[in-house]
C-alpha atoms as a PDB file:
ATOM      1  CA  MET A   1     125.437 113.277  92.820  1.00  0.00           C
ATOM      2  CA  THR A   2     124.691 110.484  94.802  1.00  0.00           C
ATOM      3  CA  ARG A   3     127.485 109.085  97.185  1.00  0.00           C
ATOM      4  CA  LEU A   4     127.808 105.746  95.795  1.00  0.00           C
ATOM      5  CA  SER A   5     126.865 104.945  92.520  1.00  0.00           C
ATOM      6  CA  GLN A   6     123.634 103.858  91.087  1.00  0.00           C
ATOM      7  CA  LEU A   7     123.802 100.137  89.500  1.00  0.00           C
ATOM      8  CA  ASP A   8     121.883  99.354  86.244  1.00  0.00           C
ATOM      9  CA  ALA A   9     119.863  96.642  86.419  1.00  0.00           C
ATOM     10  CA  ASP A  10     122.108  93.598  85.844  1.00  0.00           C
ATOM     11  CA  ALA A  11     124.091  94.296  88.702  1.00  0.00           C
ATOM     12  CA  ALA A  12     121.406  91.738  89.855  1.00  0.00           C
ATOM     13  CA  PRO A  13     118.781  90.794  86.938  1.00  0.00           C
ATOM     14  CA  GLU A  14     116.136  88.940  88.820  1.00  0.00           C
ATOM     15  CA  LEU A  15     115.679  91.307  91.971  1.00  0.00           C
ATOM     16  CA  ALA A  16     115.557  94.268  89.837  1.00  0.00           C
ATOM     17  CA  ALA A  17     113.180  92.744  87.378  1.00  0.00           C
ATOM     18  CA  ARG A  18     111.381  92.061  90.745  1.00  0.00           C
ATOM     19  CA  ILE A  19     112.229  95.932  91.833  1.00  0.00           C
ATOM     20  CA  THR A  20     110.874  96.857  88.639  1.00  0.00           C
ATOM     21  CA  ARG A  21     108.205  95.289  88.683  1.00  0.00           C
ATOM     22  CA  GLU A  22     106.484  96.052  91.782  1.00  0.00           C
ATOM     23  CA  ARG A  23     107.489  99.365  92.040  1.00  0.00           C
ATOM     24  CA  GLY A  24     105.429 100.573  88.815  1.00  0.00           C
ATOM     25  CA  GLY A  25     107.648  99.418  86.060  1.00  0.00           C
ATOM     26  CA  LYS A  26     111.033 101.738  87.094  1.00  0.00           C
ATOM     27  CA  LEU A  27     113.981 100.758  89.055  1.00  0.00           C
ATOM     28  CA  LEU A  28     114.307 104.008  90.809  1.00  0.00           C
ATOM     29  CA  SER A  29     117.562 105.490  92.102  1.00  0.00           C
ATOM     30  CA  LEU A  30     116.812 104.130  95.863  1.00  0.00           C
ATOM     31  CA  TYR A  31     117.144 100.719  94.746  1.00  0.00           C
ATOM     32  CA  ARG A  32     120.092 101.591  91.798  1.00  0.00           C
ATOM     33  CA  VAL A  33     121.468 102.335  95.634  1.00  0.00           C
ATOM     34  CA  LEU A  34     120.481  98.881  97.089  1.00  0.00           C
ATOM     35  CA  LEU A  35     121.544  96.767  95.153  1.00  0.00           C
ATOM     36  CA  HIS A  36     124.683  97.402  96.023  1.00  0.00           C
ATOM     37  CA  SER A  37     123.855  95.133  98.945  1.00  0.00           C
ATOM     38  CA  PRO A  38     121.439  92.226  97.022  1.00  0.00           C
ATOM     39  CA  LYS A  39     120.658  91.100 100.183  1.00  0.00           C
ATOM     40  CA  VAL A  40     119.251  94.372 101.592  1.00  0.00           C
ATOM     41  CA  ALA A  41     117.756  95.310  98.715  1.00  0.00           C
ATOM     42  CA  GLU A  42     115.939  91.837  99.096  1.00  0.00           C
ATOM     43  CA  ALA A  43     114.708  92.616 102.354  1.00  0.00           C
ATOM     44  CA  TRP A  44     113.827  96.334 101.668  1.00  0.00           C
ATOM     45  CA  LEU A  45     111.475  95.371  98.853  1.00  0.00           C
ATOM     46  CA  GLN A  46     109.572  92.669 100.730  1.00  0.00           C
ATOM     47  CA  PHE A  47     108.986  95.182 103.221  1.00  0.00           C
ATOM     48  CA  PHE A  48     108.347  98.316 102.150  1.00  0.00           C
ATOM     49  CA  THR A  49     105.865  95.948  99.891  1.00  0.00           C
ATOM     50  CA  VAL A  50     104.134  95.026 102.685  1.00  0.00           C
ATOM     51  CA  ILE A  51     103.979  98.256 103.971  1.00  0.00           C
ATOM     52  CA  ARG A  52     102.557  99.798 100.828  1.00  0.00           C
ATOM     53  CA  GLN A  53     100.485  96.860  99.512  1.00  0.00           C
ATOM     54  CA  GLN A  54      99.616  94.369 102.078  1.00  0.00           C
ATOM     55  CA  CYS A  55      98.422  96.487 105.085  1.00  0.00           C
ATOM     56  CA  ASP A  56      94.664  96.859 106.322  1.00  0.00           C
ATOM     57  CA  LEU A  57      96.147 100.417 107.416  1.00  0.00           C
ATOM     58  CA  SER A  58      94.111 103.787 104.857  1.00  0.00           C
ATOM     59  CA  ALA A  59      96.331 104.679 101.817  1.00  0.00           C
ATOM     60  CA  ARG A  60      95.256 108.015 103.009  1.00  0.00           C
ATOM     61  CA  HIS A  61      96.585 107.995 106.178  1.00  0.00           C
ATOM     62  CA  ARG A  62     100.003 105.653 105.396  1.00  0.00           C
ATOM     63  CA  GLU A  63     100.805 108.662 102.820  1.00  0.00           C
ATOM     64  CA  ALA A  64      99.754 111.617 105.243  1.00  0.00           C
ATOM     65  CA  ALA A  65     102.472 109.454 107.556  1.00  0.00           C
ATOM     66  CA  ILE A  66     105.155 109.252 105.010  1.00  0.00           C
ATOM     67  CA  LEU A  67     105.032 112.616 104.046  1.00  0.00           C
ATOM     68  CA  GLN A  68     104.968 114.045 107.693  1.00  0.00           C
ATOM     69  CA  VAL A  69     108.221 111.679 107.809  1.00  0.00           C
ATOM     70  CA  ALA A  70     109.668 113.040 105.045  1.00  0.00           C
ATOM     71  CA  VAL A  71     109.441 117.224 106.175  1.00  0.00           C
ATOM     72  CA  LEU A  72     110.333 115.841 109.736  1.00  0.00           C
ATOM     73  CA  ASN A  73     113.924 114.395 108.301  1.00  0.00           C
ATOM     74  CA  ARG A  74     114.009 116.920 105.432  1.00  0.00           C
ATOM     75  CA  ALA A  75     113.892 114.552 102.920  1.00  0.00           C
ATOM     76  CA  ARG A  76     112.681 116.610 100.037  1.00  0.00           C
ATOM     77  CA  TYR A  77     112.849 113.326  97.305  1.00  0.00           C
ATOM     78  CA  GLU A  78     111.242 111.325  99.715  1.00  0.00           C
ATOM     79  CA  PHE A  79     108.334 114.305  99.906  1.00  0.00           C
ATOM     80  CA  GLU A  80     108.961 114.753  96.092  1.00  0.00           C
ATOM     81  CA  GLN A  81     108.422 111.210  95.378  1.00  0.00           C
ATOM     82  CA  HIS A  82     105.040 110.485  97.527  1.00  0.00           C
ATOM     83  CA  ILE A  83     102.975 113.506  96.231  1.00  0.00           C
ATOM     84  CA  PRO A  84     100.890 111.253  93.625  1.00  0.00           C
ATOM     85  CA  PHE A  85     100.293 108.539  96.110  1.00  0.00           C
ATOM     86  CA  ALA A  86      98.988 110.905  98.413  1.00  0.00           C
ATOM     87  CA  LEU A  87      96.907 112.440  95.871  1.00  0.00           C
ATOM     88  CA  ALA A  88      96.082 109.264  94.802  1.00  0.00           C
ATOM     89  CA  ALA A  89      94.827 108.460  98.583  1.00  0.00           C
ATOM     90  CA  GLY A  90      92.443 111.120  98.705  1.00  0.00           C
ATOM     91  CA  LEU A  91      94.849 114.292  99.947  1.00  0.00           C
ATOM     92  CA  THR A  92      93.822 117.136  98.798  1.00  0.00           C
ATOM     93  CA  GLU A  93      96.708 119.572  97.072  1.00  0.00           C
ATOM     94  CA  SER A  94      95.779 122.010 100.322  1.00  0.00           C
ATOM     95  CA  MET A  95      96.614 119.371 102.772  1.00  0.00           C
ATOM     96  CA  ILE A  96      99.499 118.447 100.923  1.00  0.00           C
ATOM     97  CA  GLN A  97     100.741 121.970 101.272  1.00  0.00           C
ATOM     98  CA  ALA A  98      99.515 122.366 105.265  1.00  0.00           C
ATOM     99  CA  ILE A  99     102.028 119.483 105.950  1.00  0.00           C
ATOM    100  CA  ARG A 100     105.005 120.085 104.308  1.00  0.00           C
ATOM    101  CA  ASN A 101     104.073 124.031 105.901  1.00  0.00           C
ATOM    102  CA  GLY A 102     103.821 122.462 109.260  1.00  0.00           C
ATOM    103  CA  THR A 103     100.315 122.919 109.818  1.00  0.00           C
ATOM    104  CA  ASP A 104      96.789 120.715 109.967  1.00  0.00           C
ATOM    105  CA  ASP A 105      94.065 123.303 109.309  1.00  0.00           C
ATOM    106  CA  ALA A 106      93.325 122.222 105.652  1.00  0.00           C
ATOM    107  CA  GLY A 107      90.306 120.209 106.200  1.00  0.00           C
ATOM    108  CA  PHE A 108      92.408 117.487 107.960  1.00  0.00           C
ATOM    109  CA  THR A 109      89.968 114.766 110.016  1.00  0.00           C
ATOM    110  CA  ASP A 110      90.305 114.294 113.840  1.00  0.00           C
ATOM    111  CA  THR A 111      91.968 110.907 112.755  1.00  0.00           C
ATOM    112  CA  ASP A 112      94.117 112.789 109.936  1.00  0.00           C
ATOM    113  CA  ARG A 113      95.738 115.036 113.217  1.00  0.00           C
ATOM    114  CA  ALA A 114      95.666 112.454 115.251  1.00  0.00           C
ATOM    115  CA  VAL A 115      98.295 110.398 113.169  1.00  0.00           C
ATOM    116  CA  LEU A 116     100.214 113.430 112.330  1.00  0.00           C
ATOM    117  CA  ALA A 117     100.928 114.060 115.770  1.00  0.00           C
ATOM    118  CA  TYR A 118     101.723 110.384 116.492  1.00  0.00           C
ATOM    119  CA  THR A 119     103.956 110.751 113.282  1.00  0.00           C
ATOM    120  CA  ARG A 120     105.740 114.087 115.028  1.00  0.00           C
ATOM    121  CA  ALA A 121     106.488 112.070 117.899  1.00  0.00           C
ATOM    122  CA  MET A 122     107.391 109.295 116.582  1.00  0.00           C
ATOM    123  CA  THR A 123     109.652 111.058 114.132  1.00  0.00           C
ATOM    124  CA  ARG A 124     111.493 113.981 116.488  1.00  0.00           C
ATOM    125  CA  ASP A 125     111.255 112.272 119.610  1.00  0.00           C
ATOM    126  CA  VAL A 126     111.511 108.687 119.313  1.00  0.00           C
ATOM    127  CA  GLN A 127     109.355 108.200 123.039  1.00  0.00           C
ATOM    128  CA  VAL A 128     105.425 108.847 122.187  1.00  0.00           C
ATOM    129  CA  PRO A 129     103.721 110.317 124.860  1.00  0.00           C
ATOM    130  CA  ASP A 130     100.998 108.381 126.024  1.00  0.00           C
ATOM    131  CA  ASP A 131      98.156 111.477 125.396  1.00  0.00           C
ATOM    132  CA  VAL A 132      99.182 111.368 121.855  1.00  0.00           C
ATOM    133  CA  PHE A 133      99.327 107.559 121.468  1.00  0.00           C
ATOM    134  CA  GLU A 134      95.768 107.369 123.283  1.00  0.00           C
ATOM    135  CA  ALA A 135      94.517 109.897 120.868  1.00  0.00           C
ATOM    136  CA  VAL A 136      95.934 107.726 117.472  1.00  0.00           C
ATOM    137  CA  LYS A 137      94.537 105.124 119.332  1.00  0.00           C
ATOM    138  CA  ARG A 138      91.061 105.660 119.531  1.00  0.00           C
ATOM    139  CA  HIS A 139      90.804 105.729 116.236  1.00  0.00           C
ATOM    140  CA  PHE A 140      92.334 102.139 114.438  1.00  0.00           C
ATOM    141  CA  PRO A 141      92.322  98.834 116.241  1.00  0.00           C
ATOM    142  CA  ASP A 142      95.335  97.140 116.956  1.00  0.00           C
ATOM    143  CA  ALA A 143      96.540  95.734 113.903  1.00  0.00           C
ATOM    144  CA  GLN A 144      96.507  98.801 111.865  1.00  0.00           C
ATOM    145  CA  MET A 145      98.357 100.555 115.151  1.00  0.00           C
ATOM    146  CA  VAL A 146     101.152  98.227 114.422  1.00  0.00           C
ATOM    147  CA  GLU A 147     100.956  99.017 110.586  1.00  0.00           C
ATOM    148  CA  LEU A 148     100.815 102.774 111.245  1.00  0.00           C
ATOM    149  CA  THR A 149     103.831 102.144 113.587  1.00  0.00           C
ATOM    150  CA  ALA A 150     105.860 100.019 111.256  1.00  0.00           C
ATOM    151  CA  THR A 151     104.904 102.655 108.901  1.00  0.00           C
ATOM    152  CA  ILE A 152     106.533 105.873 110.696  1.00  0.00           C
ATOM    153  CA  GLY A 153     109.163 103.520 111.838  1.00  0.00           C
ATOM    154  CA  GLY A 154     109.733 102.462 108.123  1.00  0.00           C
ATOM    155  CA  TYR A 155     109.613 105.766 106.226  1.00  0.00           C
ATOM    156  CA  ASN A 156     112.135 107.172 108.689  1.00  0.00           C
ATOM    157  CA  LEU A 157     114.774 104.277 107.879  1.00  0.00           C
ATOM    158  CA  VAL A 158     113.911 105.485 104.085  1.00  0.00           C
ATOM    159  CA  SER A 159     114.258 108.925 104.593  1.00  0.00           C
ATOM    160  CA  ARG A 160     117.778 108.793 106.557  1.00  0.00           C
ATOM    161  CA  PHE A 161     118.850 106.446 104.117  1.00  0.00           C
ATOM    162  CA  LEU A 162     118.491 108.835 101.384  1.00  0.00           C
ATOM    163  CA  GLU A 163     119.404 111.743 103.218  1.00  0.00           C
ATOM    164  CA  ALA A 164     123.163 109.858 103.894  1.00  0.00           C
ATOM    165  CA  MET A 165     123.274 108.597 100.630  1.00  0.00           C
ATOM    166  CA  ALA A 166     122.327 111.898  99.188  1.00  0.00           C
ATOM    167  CA  ILE A 167     119.999 110.644  96.979  1.00  0.00           C
ATOM    168  CA  HIS A 168     117.859 113.384  96.123  1.00  0.00           C
ATOM    169  CA  GLU A 169     116.526 113.228  92.354  1.00  0.00           C
ATOM    170  CA  GLU A 170     115.548 110.390  89.613  1.00  0.00           C
ATOM    171  CA  LYS A 171     118.470 109.176  87.507  1.00  0.00           C
END
């Protein structure tokens, strides 16, 4: 049970319609809680639309980072919501299970392993050691480093919001 009620679309009809349109035809539990503050919901939608749909960072690396964040923050709902996106982006079931289990021995590329290590450092320690940064930087131009870093930071926000509000399933 979420800690705040999950509002229906009539709480902010135009915004709810945009959210539904941009998020695959459903007003997810996360957004039903965010609608308590339409301004926050609007900014959230805009930021995560850019992260998920308008960046040059590959979907594979974005989704690997999101799954890693979810595991580290014990955000089961976030992890489960992103499995279909991860599969569509080319991660295999064994890779997804490896991320869930905290290993990186399931056929990951050097780039994948660097992304996962960077995600672990950002999420666990906040300060990223130079060697971890340099290892991931070898694989991405500056713009994609910004996108990857924003993705990891953003999805830390998502998992922490979900867990604080006890959003663990769809209504």
